[in-house]
All heavy atoms as atom14 arrays in JSON, in Angstrom:
{
  "sequence": "SVFISIFSLNNNLIINVLTQVRYFAIKRTVGMSLKQLLFSIICEGVII",
  "atom14_mask": [
    [1, 1, 1, 1, 1, 1, 0, 0, 0, 0, 0, 0, 0, 0],
    [1, 1, 1, 1, 1, 1, 1, 0, 0, 0, 0, 0, 0, 0],
    [1, 1, 1, 1, 1, 1, 1, 1, 1, 1, 1, 0, 0, 0],
    [1, 1, 1, 1, 1, 1, 1, 1, 0, 0, 0, 0, 0, 0],
    [1, 1, 1, 1, 1, 1, 0, 0, 0, 0, 0, 0, 0, 0],
    [1, 1, 1, 1, 1, 1, 1, 1, 0, 0, 0, 0, 0, 0],
    [1, 1, 1, 1, 1, 1, 1, 1, 1, 1, 1, 0, 0, 0],
    [1, 1, 1, 1, 1, 1, 0, 0, 0, 0, 0, 0, 0, 0],
    [1, 1, 1, 1, 1, 1, 1, 1, 0, 0, 0, 0, 0, 0],
    [1, 1, 1, 1, 1, 1, 1, 1, 0, 0, 0, 0, 0, 0],
    [1, 1, 1, 1, 1, 1, 1, 1, 0, 0, 0, 0, 0, 0],
    [1, 1, 1, 1, 1, 1, 1, 1, 0, 0, 0, 0, 0, 0],
    [1, 1, 1, 1, 1, 1, 1, 1, 0, 0, 0, 0, 0, 0],
    [1, 1, 1, 1, 1, 1, 1, 1, 0, 0, 0, 0, 0, 0],
    [1, 1, 1, 1, 1, 1, 1, 1, 0, 0, 0, 0, 0, 0],
    [1, 1, 1, 1, 1, 1, 1, 1, 0, 0, 0, 0, 0, 0],
    [1, 1, 1, 1, 1, 1, 1, 0, 0, 0, 0, 0, 0, 0],
    [1, 1, 1, 1, 1, 1, 1, 1, 0, 0, 0, 0, 0, 0],
    [1, 1, 1, 1, 1, 1, 1, 0, 0, 0, 0, 0, 0, 0],
    [1, 1, 1, 1, 1, 1, 1, 1, 1, 0, 0, 0, 0, 0],
    [1, 1, 1, 1, 1, 1, 1, 0, 0, 0, 0, 0, 0, 0],
    [1, 1, 1, 1, 1, 1, 1, 1, 1, 1, 1, 0, 0, 0],
    [1, 1, 1, 1, 1, 1, 1, 1, 1, 1, 1, 1, 0, 0],
    [1, 1, 1, 1, 1, 1, 1, 1, 1, 1, 1, 0, 0, 0],
    [1, 1, 1, 1, 1, 0, 0, 0, 0, 0, 0, 0, 0, 0],
    [1, 1, 1, 1, 1, 1, 1, 1, 0, 0, 0, 0, 0, 0],
    [1, 1, 1, 1, 1, 1, 1, 1, 1, 0, 0, 0, 0, 0],
    [1, 1, 1, 1, 1, 1, 1, 1, 1, 1, 1, 0, 0, 0],
    [1, 1, 1, 1, 1, 1, 1, 0, 0, 0, 0, 0, 0, 0],
    [1, 1, 1, 1, 1, 1, 1, 0, 0, 0, 0, 0, 0, 0],
    [1, 1, 1, 1, 0, 0, 0, 0, 0, 0, 0, 0, 0, 0],
    [1, 1, 1, 1, 1, 1, 1, 1, 0, 0, 0, 0, 0, 0],
    [1, 1, 1, 1, 1, 1, 0, 0, 0, 0, 0, 0, 0, 0],
    [1, 1, 1, 1, 1, 1, 1, 1, 0, 0, 0, 0, 0, 0],
    [1, 1, 1, 1, 1, 1, 1, 1, 1, 0, 0, 0, 0, 0],
    [1, 1, 1, 1, 1, 1, 1, 1, 1, 0, 0, 0, 0, 0],
    [1, 1, 1, 1, 1, 1, 1, 1, 0, 0, 0, 0, 0, 0],
    [1, 1, 1, 1, 1, 1, 1, 1, 0, 0, 0, 0, 0, 0],
    [1, 1, 1, 1, 1, 1, 1, 1, 1, 1, 1, 0, 0, 0],
    [1, 1, 1, 1, 1, 1, 0, 0, 0, 0, 0, 0, 0, 0],
    [1, 1, 1, 1, 1, 1, 1, 1, 0, 0, 0, 0, 0, 0],
    [1, 1, 1, 1, 1, 1, 1, 1, 0, 0, 0, 0, 0, 0],
    [1, 1, 1, 1, 1, 1, 0, 0, 0, 0, 0, 0, 0, 0],
    [1, 1, 1, 1, 1, 1, 1, 1, 1, 0, 0, 0, 0, 0],
    [1, 1, 1, 1, 0, 0, 0, 0, 0, 0, 0, 0, 0, 0],
    [1, 1, 1, 1, 1, 1, 1, 0, 0, 0, 0, 0, 0, 0],
    [1, 1, 1, 1, 1, 1, 1, 1, 0, 0, 0, 0, 0, 0],
    [1, 1, 1, 1, 1, 1, 1, 1, 0, 0, 0, 0, 0, 0]
  ],
  "atom14_positions": [
    [[0.82, -1.21, 0.0], [0.0, 0.0, 0.0], [0.86, 1.26, 0.0], [0.49, 2.26, -0.62], [-0.96, 0.0, 1.18], [-0.27, 0.14, 2.39], [0.0, 0.0, 0.0], [0.0, 0.0, 0.0], [0.0, 0.0, 0.0], [0.0, 0.0, 0.0], [0.0, 0.0, 0.0], [0.0, 0.0, 0.0], [0.0, 0.0, 0.0], [0.0, 0.0, 0.0]],
    [[2.01, 1.23, 0.65], [2.9, 2.39, 0.64], [3.45, 2.62, -0.77], [3.46, 3.76, -1.25], [4.05, 2.2, 1.66], [5.17, 3.19, 1.42], [3.52, 2.35, 3.07], [0.0, 0.0, 0.0], [0.0, 0.0, 0.0], [0.0, 0.0, 0.0], [0.0, 0.0, 0.0], [0.0, 0.0, 0.0], [0.0, 0.0, 0.0], [0.0, 0.0, 0.0]],
    [[3.87, 1.56, -1.45], [4.38, 1.72, -2.81], [3.28, 2.21, -3.75], [3.53, 3.05, -4.62], [5.0, 0.43, -3.32], [6.35, 0.15, -2.73], [6.59, -1.04, -2.08], [7.37, 1.08, -2.81], [7.83, -1.31, -1.52], [8.61, 0.82, -2.26], [8.84, -0.37, -1.62], [0.0, 0.0, 0.0], [0.0, 0.0, 0.0], [0.0, 0.0, 0.0]],
    [[2.08, 1.71, -3.59], [0.96, 2.17, -4.42], [0.68, 3.65, -4.15], [0.45, 4.43, -5.08], [-0.29, 1.31, -4.18], [-0.07, -0.07, -4.77], [-1.54, 1.95, -4.77], [-1.16, -1.07, -4.42], [0.0, 0.0, 0.0], [0.0, 0.0, 0.0], [0.0, 0.0, 0.0], [0.0, 0.0, 0.0], [0.0, 0.0, 0.0], [0.0, 0.0, 0.0]],
    [[0.72, 4.06, -2.9], [0.44, 5.46, -2.58], [1.55, 6.37, -3.1], [1.27, 7.49, -3.55], [0.24, 5.64, -1.08], [1.43, 5.36, -0.38], [0.0, 0.0, 0.0], [0.0, 0.0, 0.0], [0.0, 0.0, 0.0], [0.0, 0.0, 0.0], [0.0, 0.0, 0.0], [0.0, 0.0, 0.0], [0.0, 0.0, 0.0], [0.0, 0.0, 0.0]],
    [[2.8, 5.93, -3.04], [3.89, 6.73, -3.58], [3.72, 6.91, -5.09], [3.83, 8.01, -5.62], [5.26, 6.09, -3.25], [5.56, 6.23, -1.78], [6.38, 6.74, -4.08], [6.78, 5.44, -1.32], [0.0, 0.0, 0.0], [0.0, 0.0, 0.0], [0.0, 0.0, 0.0], [0.0, 0.0, 0.0], [0.0, 0.0, 0.0], [0.0, 0.0, 0.0]],
    [[3.42, 5.81, -5.78], [3.21, 5.87, -7.22], [2.03, 6.76, -7.55], [2.08, 7.58, -8.47], [3.0, 4.46, -7.78], [2.75, 4.42, -9.24], [3.78, 4.64, -10.15], [1.48, 4.18, -9.73], [3.55, 4.61, -11.5], [1.24, 4.16, -11.08], [2.27, 4.37, -11.98], [0.0, 0.0, 0.0], [0.0, 0.0, 0.0], [0.0, 0.0, 0.0]],
    [[0.95, 6.63, -6.8], [-0.25, 7.43, -7.04], [0.0, 8.91, -6.79], [-0.43, 9.76, -7.57], [-1.38, 6.93, -6.15], [-2.51, 7.73, -6.28], [0.0, 0.0, 0.0], [0.0, 0.0, 0.0], [0.0, 0.0, 0.0], [0.0, 0.0, 0.0], [0.0, 0.0, 0.0], [0.0, 0.0, 0.0], [0.0, 0.0, 0.0], [0.0, 0.0, 0.0]],
    [[0.68, 9.23, -5.71], [0.99, 10.62, -5.4], [1.87, 11.23, -6.49], [1.61, 12.34, -6.96], [1.69, 10.73, -4.04], [2.14, 12.12, -3.63], [0.94, 13.0, -3.34], [3.05, 12.06, -2.44], [0.0, 0.0, 0.0], [0.0, 0.0, 0.0], [0.0, 0.0, 0.0], [0.0, 0.0, 0.0], [0.0, 0.0, 0.0], [0.0, 0.0, 0.0]],
    [[2.88, 10.49, -6.91], [3.77, 10.97, -7.96], [3.0, 11.19, -9.26], [3.15, 12.21, -9.93], [4.91, 9.98, -8.17], [6.05, 10.55, -8.96], [6.12, 11.76, -9.16], [6.94, 9.7, -9.41], [0.0, 0.0, 0.0], [0.0, 0.0, 0.0], [0.0, 0.0, 0.0], [0.0, 0.0, 0.0], [0.0, 0.0, 0.0], [0.0, 0.0, 0.0]],
    [[2.15, 10.23, -9.63], [1.38, 10.33, -10.85], [0.4, 11.51, -10.8], [0.27, 12.26, -11.76], [0.63, 9.02, -11.09], [0.01, 8.96, -12.45], [0.51, 9.55, -13.4], [-1.07, 8.23, -12.56], [0.0, 0.0, 0.0], [0.0, 0.0, 0.0], [0.0, 0.0, 0.0], [0.0, 0.0, 0.0], [0.0, 0.0, 0.0], [0.0, 0.0, 0.0]],
    [[-0.29, 11.67, -9.67], [-1.23, 12.79, -9.54], [-0.52, 14.13, -9.62], [-1.03, 15.08, -10.24], [-1.99, 12.7, -8.21], [-3.05, 11.64, -8.24], [-3.53, 11.25, -9.29], [-3.42, 11.16, -7.06], [0.0, 0.0, 0.0], [0.0, 0.0, 0.0], [0.0, 0.0, 0.0], [0.0, 0.0, 0.0], [0.0, 0.0, 0.0], [0.0, 0.0, 0.0]],
    [[0.64, 14.23, -9.03], [1.37, 15.48, -9.07], [1.86, 15.79, -10.49], [1.77, 16.93, -10.95], [2.55, 15.44, -8.1], [3.23, 16.76, -7.82], [2.24, 17.77, -7.27], [4.36, 16.58, -6.85], [0.0, 0.0, 0.0], [0.0, 0.0, 0.0], [0.0, 0.0, 0.0], [0.0, 0.0, 0.0], [0.0, 0.0, 0.0], [0.0, 0.0, 0.0]],
    [[2.35, 14.79, -11.19], [2.8, 14.98, -12.57], [1.64, 15.43, -13.45], [1.75, 16.4, -14.21], [3.44, 13.7, -13.12], [4.79, 13.46, -12.44], [3.64, 13.78, -14.63], [5.38, 12.1, -12.74], [0.0, 0.0, 0.0], [0.0, 0.0, 0.0], [0.0, 0.0, 0.0], [0.0, 0.0, 0.0], [0.0, 0.0, 0.0], [0.0, 0.0, 0.0]],
    [[0.5, 14.75, -13.34], [-0.68, 15.12, -14.14], [-1.14, 16.52, -13.79], [-1.45, 17.32, -14.68], [-1.82, 14.1, -13.91], [-1.42, 12.72, -14.4], [-3.1, 14.55, -14.59], [-1.31, 12.55, -15.88], [0.0, 0.0, 0.0], [0.0, 0.0, 0.0], [0.0, 0.0, 0.0], [0.0, 0.0, 0.0], [0.0, 0.0, 0.0], [0.0, 0.0, 0.0]],
    [[-1.18, 16.84, -12.52], [-1.64, 18.15, -12.07], [-0.75, 19.27, -12.61], [-1.23, 20.3, -13.06], [-1.7, 18.18, -10.55], [-2.48, 19.36, -10.03], [-3.29, 19.94, -10.73], [-2.23, 19.7, -8.79], [0.0, 0.0, 0.0], [0.0, 0.0, 0.0], [0.0, 0.0, 0.0], [0.0, 0.0, 0.0], [0.0, 0.0, 0.0], [0.0, 0.0, 0.0]],
    [[0.56, 19.06, -12.56], [1.48, 20.1, -13.02], [1.48, 20.19, -14.54], [1.48, 21.29, -15.11], [2.9, 19.85, -12.46], [3.91, 20.75, -13.13], [2.92, 20.08, -10.96], [0.0, 0.0, 0.0], [0.0, 0.0, 0.0], [0.0, 0.0, 0.0], [0.0, 0.0, 0.0], [0.0, 0.0, 0.0], [0.0, 0.0, 0.0], [0.0, 0.0, 0.0]],
    [[1.47, 19.06, -15.22], [1.53, 19.09, -16.67], [0.25, 19.6, -17.32], [0.27, 20.04, -18.47], [1.9, 17.71, -17.22], [3.32, 17.25, -16.91], [3.6, 15.89, -17.52], [4.35, 18.27, -17.4], [0.0, 0.0, 0.0], [0.0, 0.0, 0.0], [0.0, 0.0, 0.0], [0.0, 0.0, 0.0], [0.0, 0.0, 0.0], [0.0, 0.0, 0.0]],
    [[-0.86, 19.56, -16.6], [-2.09, 20.17, -17.13], [-2.05, 21.69, -17.0], [-2.86, 22.37, -17.63], [-3.35, 19.64, -16.43], [-3.22, 19.85, -15.03], [-3.56, 18.17, -16.74], [0.0, 0.0, 0.0], [0.0, 0.0, 0.0], [0.0, 0.0, 0.0], [0.0, 0.0, 0.0], [0.0, 0.0, 0.0], [0.0, 0.0, 0.0], [0.0, 0.0, 0.0]],
    [[-1.12, 22.2, -16.22], [-0.99, 23.65, -16.04], [0.19, 24.22, -16.81], [0.71, 25.28, -16.46], [-0.84, 23.96, -14.56], [-1.99, 23.52, -13.71], [-1.73, 23.79, -12.24], [-0.84, 24.55, -11.88], [-2.51, 23.17, -11.38], [0.0, 0.0, 0.0], [0.0, 0.0, 0.0], [0.0, 0.0, 0.0], [0.0, 0.0, 0.0], [0.0, 0.0, 0.0]],
    [[0.61, 23.54, -17.87], [1.78, 23.99, -18.62], [1.58, 25.4, -19.16], [2.46, 26.26, -19.06], [2.09, 22.99, -19.78], [3.12, 23.56, -20.73], [2.56, 21.68, -19.21], [0.0, 0.0, 0.0], [0.0, 0.0, 0.0], [0.0, 0.0, 0.0], [0.0, 0.0, 0.0], [0.0, 0.0, 0.0], [0.0, 0.0, 0.0], [0.0, 0.0, 0.0]],
    [[0.42, 25.63, -19.74], [0.14, 26.95, -20.31], [0.16, 28.03, -19.22], [0.7, 29.12, -19.42], [-1.22, 26.89, -20.98], [-1.47, 28.0, -21.92], [-2.79, 27.76, -22.6], [-2.71, 28.29, -23.95], [-3.65, 28.17, -24.82], [-4.74, 27.5, -24.51], [-3.52, 28.7, -25.99], [0.0, 0.0, 0.0], [0.0, 0.0, 0.0], [0.0, 0.0, 0.0]],
    [[-0.4, 27.71, -18.08], [-0.44, 28.64, -16.95], [0.98, 29.0, -16.49], [1.3, 30.17, -16.28], [-1.25, 27.98, -15.83], [-1.25, 28.7, -14.51], [-1.97, 29.86, -14.33], [-0.54, 28.18, -13.43], [-1.97, 30.51, -13.11], [-0.54, 28.82, -12.21], [-1.27, 29.98, -12.06], [-1.27, 30.61, -10.85], [0.0, 0.0, 0.0], [0.0, 0.0, 0.0]],
    [[1.84, 27.98, -16.37], [3.22, 28.24, -15.96], [3.99, 28.99, -17.04], [4.85, 29.82, -16.73], [3.94, 26.94, -15.61], [3.51, 26.35, -14.3], [3.05, 25.04, -14.23], [3.57, 27.08, -13.13], [2.65, 24.49, -13.02], [3.18, 26.54, -11.92], [2.72, 25.25, -11.86], [0.0, 0.0, 0.0], [0.0, 0.0, 0.0], [0.0, 0.0, 0.0]],
    [[3.7, 28.71, -18.3], [4.38, 29.42, -19.4], [4.01, 30.9, -19.39], [4.87, 31.76, -19.6], [4.03, 28.78, -20.74], [0.0, 0.0, 0.0], [0.0, 0.0, 0.0], [0.0, 0.0, 0.0], [0.0, 0.0, 0.0], [0.0, 0.0, 0.0], [0.0, 0.0, 0.0], [0.0, 0.0, 0.0], [0.0, 0.0, 0.0], [0.0, 0.0, 0.0]],
    [[2.75, 31.2, -19.15], [2.34, 32.61, -19.07], [3.01, 33.29, -17.89], [3.48, 34.43, -18.0], [0.8, 32.71, -18.98], [0.18, 32.28, -20.31], [0.35, 34.1, -18.61], [-1.32, 32.13, -20.28], [0.0, 0.0, 0.0], [0.0, 0.0, 0.0], [0.0, 0.0, 0.0], [0.0, 0.0, 0.0], [0.0, 0.0, 0.0], [0.0, 0.0, 0.0]],
    [[3.09, 32.62, -16.78], [3.78, 33.19, -15.62], [5.26, 33.44, -15.92], [5.83, 34.43, -15.47], [3.64, 32.27, -14.4], [2.32, 32.38, -13.72], [2.33, 31.55, -12.46], [1.41, 32.15, -11.45], [1.54, 31.54, -10.15], [0.0, 0.0, 0.0], [0.0, 0.0, 0.0], [0.0, 0.0, 0.0], [0.0, 0.0, 0.0], [0.0, 0.0, 0.0]],
    [[5.87, 32.52, -16.68], [7.29, 32.69, -17.02], [7.49, 33.9, -17.94], [8.47, 34.61, -17.82], [7.83, 31.43, -17.7], [7.93, 30.24, -16.8], [9.23, 30.09, -16.11], [10.3, 29.99, -17.09], [11.5, 30.49, -16.91], [11.8, 31.07, -15.79], [12.42, 30.39, -17.84], [0.0, 0.0, 0.0], [0.0, 0.0, 0.0], [0.0, 0.0, 0.0]],
    [[6.55, 34.15, -18.86], [6.69, 35.31, -19.75], [6.49, 36.61, -18.99], [7.05, 37.63, -19.35], [5.68, 35.25, -20.91], [4.36, 35.2, -20.41], [5.96, 34.07, -21.8], [0.0, 0.0, 0.0], [0.0, 0.0, 0.0], [0.0, 0.0, 0.0], [0.0, 0.0, 0.0], [0.0, 0.0, 0.0], [0.0, 0.0, 0.0], [0.0, 0.0, 0.0]],
    [[5.7, 36.59, -17.95], [5.47, 37.79, -17.15], [6.67, 38.1, -16.27], [6.89, 39.23, -15.86], [4.18, 37.63, -16.31], [3.97, 38.78, -15.37], [2.99, 37.49, -17.21], [0.0, 0.0, 0.0], [0.0, 0.0, 0.0], [0.0, 0.0, 0.0], [0.0, 0.0, 0.0], [0.0, 0.0, 0.0], [0.0, 0.0, 0.0], [0.0, 0.0, 0.0]],
    [[7.5, 37.09, -15.99], [8.7, 37.36, -15.22], [8.96, 36.4, -14.07], [9.83, 36.66, -13.24], [0.0, 0.0, 0.0], [0.0, 0.0, 0.0], [0.0, 0.0, 0.0], [0.0, 0.0, 0.0], [0.0, 0.0, 0.0], [0.0, 0.0, 0.0], [0.0, 0.0, 0.0], [0.0, 0.0, 0.0], [0.0, 0.0, 0.0], [0.0, 0.0, 0.0]],
    [[8.27, 35.3, -14.02], [8.5, 34.32, -12.96], [9.84, 33.62, -13.22], [10.08, 33.12, -14.31], [7.37, 33.3, -12.93], [7.49, 32.25, -11.87], [6.12, 31.07, -11.98], [5.74, 30.87, -10.27], [0.0, 0.0, 0.0], [0.0, 0.0, 0.0], [0.0, 0.0, 0.0], [0.0, 0.0, 0.0], [0.0, 0.0, 0.0], [0.0, 0.0, 0.0]],
    [[10.68, 33.6, -12.22], [11.98, 32.94, -12.38], [11.84, 31.43, -12.2], [10.83, 30.94, -11.72], [12.97, 33.5, -11.36], [12.61, 33.11, -10.06], [0.0, 0.0, 0.0], [0.0, 0.0, 0.0], [0.0, 0.0, 0.0], [0.0, 0.0, 0.0], [0.0, 0.0, 0.0], [0.0, 0.0, 0.0], [0.0, 0.0, 0.0], [0.0, 0.0, 0.0]],
    [[12.87, 30.71, -12.6], [12.86, 29.26, -12.41], [12.82, 28.9, -10.93], [12.22, 27.89, -10.54], [14.08, 28.62, -13.07], [14.01, 28.46, -14.59], [15.33, 27.93, -15.13], [12.88, 27.53, -14.97], [0.0, 0.0, 0.0], [0.0, 0.0, 0.0], [0.0, 0.0, 0.0], [0.0, 0.0, 0.0], [0.0, 0.0, 0.0], [0.0, 0.0, 0.0]],
    [[13.45, 29.73, -10.11], [13.44, 29.48, -8.66], [12.01, 29.61, -8.11], [11.59, 28.8, -7.28], [14.37, 30.49, -7.99], [14.73, 30.17, -6.57], [15.67, 31.24, -6.03], [16.73, 30.59, -5.2], [17.64, 31.57, -4.62], [0.0, 0.0, 0.0], [0.0, 0.0, 0.0], [0.0, 0.0, 0.0], [0.0, 0.0, 0.0], [0.0, 0.0, 0.0]],
    [[11.28, 30.62, -8.57], [9.9, 30.79, -8.12], [9.01, 29.66, -8.65], [8.11, 29.19, -7.95], [9.36, 32.14, -8.6], [10.0, 33.31, -7.91], [9.65, 34.63, -8.56], [9.42, 34.69, -9.77], [9.62, 35.68, -7.75], [0.0, 0.0, 0.0], [0.0, 0.0, 0.0], [0.0, 0.0, 0.0], [0.0, 0.0, 0.0], [0.0, 0.0, 0.0]],
    [[9.28, 29.22, -9.87], [8.54, 28.09, -10.43], [8.79, 26.82, -9.62], [7.86, 26.09, -9.3], [8.93, 27.88, -11.9], [8.26, 26.74, -12.63], [6.77, 27.0, -12.79], [8.9, 26.53, -13.98], [0.0, 0.0, 0.0], [0.0, 0.0, 0.0], [0.0, 0.0, 0.0], [0.0, 0.0, 0.0], [0.0, 0.0, 0.0], [0.0, 0.0, 0.0]],
    [[10.04, 26.58, -9.28], [10.4, 25.44, -8.45], [9.69, 25.51, -7.1], [9.12, 24.52, -6.63], [11.91, 25.36, -8.27], [12.43, 24.28, -7.32], [12.15, 22.9, -7.89], [13.92, 24.46, -7.06], [0.0, 0.0, 0.0], [0.0, 0.0, 0.0], [0.0, 0.0, 0.0], [0.0, 0.0, 0.0], [0.0, 0.0, 0.0], [0.0, 0.0, 0.0]],
    [[9.71, 26.68, -6.49], [9.06, 26.86, -5.2], [7.56, 26.6, -5.3], [6.96, 25.94, -4.43], [9.31, 28.28, -4.67], [8.7, 28.53, -3.32], [9.26, 27.98, -2.18], [7.57, 29.32, -3.2], [8.69, 28.2, -0.94], [7.0, 29.54, -1.97], [7.56, 29.0, -0.83], [0.0, 0.0, 0.0], [0.0, 0.0, 0.0], [0.0, 0.0, 0.0]],
    [[6.94, 27.07, -6.37], [5.5, 26.87, -6.57], [5.15, 25.4, -6.72], [4.2, 24.9, -6.09], [5.05, 27.64, -7.82], [3.72, 27.36, -8.14], [0.0, 0.0, 0.0], [0.0, 0.0, 0.0], [0.0, 0.0, 0.0], [0.0, 0.0, 0.0], [0.0, 0.0, 0.0], [0.0, 0.0, 0.0], [0.0, 0.0, 0.0], [0.0, 0.0, 0.0]],
    [[5.93, 24.68, -7.52], [5.66, 23.26, -7.74], [5.95, 22.44, -6.48], [5.2, 21.53, -6.13], [6.45, 22.74, -8.96], [5.91, 23.41, -10.22], [6.36, 21.24, -9.09], [6.7, 23.13, -11.46], [0.0, 0.0, 0.0], [0.0, 0.0, 0.0], [0.0, 0.0, 0.0], [0.0, 0.0, 0.0], [0.0, 0.0, 0.0], [0.0, 0.0, 0.0]],
    [[7.03, 22.78, -5.78], [7.35, 22.06, -4.54], [6.29, 22.31, -3.47], [5.9, 21.38, -2.76], [8.77, 22.43, -4.05], [9.81, 21.72, -4.91], [8.96, 22.06, -2.58], [11.23, 22.02, -4.56], [0.0, 0.0, 0.0], [0.0, 0.0, 0.0], [0.0, 0.0, 0.0], [0.0, 0.0, 0.0], [0.0, 0.0, 0.0], [0.0, 0.0, 0.0]],
    [[5.8, 23.55, -3.37], [4.72, 23.82, -2.4], [3.48, 23.0, -2.73], [2.83, 22.48, -1.82], [4.38, 25.31, -2.41], [5.54, 26.3, -1.48], [0.0, 0.0, 0.0], [0.0, 0.0, 0.0], [0.0, 0.0, 0.0], [0.0, 0.0, 0.0], [0.0, 0.0, 0.0], [0.0, 0.0, 0.0], [0.0, 0.0, 0.0], [0.0, 0.0, 0.0]],
    [[3.18, 22.88, -4.01], [2.02, 22.08, -4.4], [2.23, 20.61, -4.01], [1.33, 19.97, -3.48], [1.81, 22.2, -5.91], [0.55, 21.55, -6.39], [0.28, 21.84, -7.85], [0.91, 22.75, -8.43], [-0.57, 21.14, -8.42], [0.0, 0.0, 0.0], [0.0, 0.0, 0.0], [0.0, 0.0, 0.0], [0.0, 0.0, 0.0], [0.0, 0.0, 0.0]],
    [[3.42, 20.09, -4.23], [3.71, 18.71, -3.85], [3.66, 18.49, -2.36], [3.14, 17.47, -1.89], [0.0, 0.0, 0.0], [0.0, 0.0, 0.0], [0.0, 0.0, 0.0], [0.0, 0.0, 0.0], [0.0, 0.0, 0.0], [0.0, 0.0, 0.0], [0.0, 0.0, 0.0], [0.0, 0.0, 0.0], [0.0, 0.0, 0.0], [0.0, 0.0, 0.0]],
    [[4.18, 19.44, -1.59], [4.17, 19.31, -0.12], [2.74, 19.38, 0.4], [2.36, 18.61, 1.3], [5.07, 20.4, 0.51], [4.82, 20.53, 1.99], [6.53, 20.09, 0.23], [0.0, 0.0, 0.0], [0.0, 0.0, 0.0], [0.0, 0.0, 0.0], [0.0, 0.0, 0.0], [0.0, 0.0, 0.0], [0.0, 0.0, 0.0], [0.0, 0.0, 0.0]],
    [[1.92, 20.25, -0.17], [0.53, 20.36, 0.27], [-0.24, 19.09, -0.06], [-1.0, 18.58, 0.77], [-0.14, 21.61, -0.35], [0.45, 22.86, 0.29], [-1.66, 21.57, -0.19], [0.04, 24.16, -0.38], [0.0, 0.0, 0.0], [0.0, 0.0, 0.0], [0.0, 0.0, 0.0], [0.0, 0.0, 0.0], [0.0, 0.0, 0.0], [0.0, 0.0, 0.0]],
    [[-0.03, 18.56, -1.27], [-0.7, 17.31, -1.64], [-0.23, 16.17, -0.72], [-1.03, 15.34, -0.28], [-0.46, 16.99, -3.13], [-1.24, 17.96, -4.0], [-0.87, 15.55, -3.45], [-0.95, 17.84, -5.48], [0.0, 0.0, 0.0], [0.0, 0.0, 0.0], [0.0, 0.0, 0.0], [0.0, 0.0, 0.0], [0.0, 0.0, 0.0], [0.0, 0.0, 0.0]]
  ]
}
């Protein structure tokens, strides 16, 4: 069950982030740095 939950969490996070590609691209054009992008994605993973 732990391995299934790790796989499921990883898969859900990948799907969640990759569905927001356009959103992150727009943020990057406005001036979001890679560090801020990393922080945003890591915060989402920690919250999930």
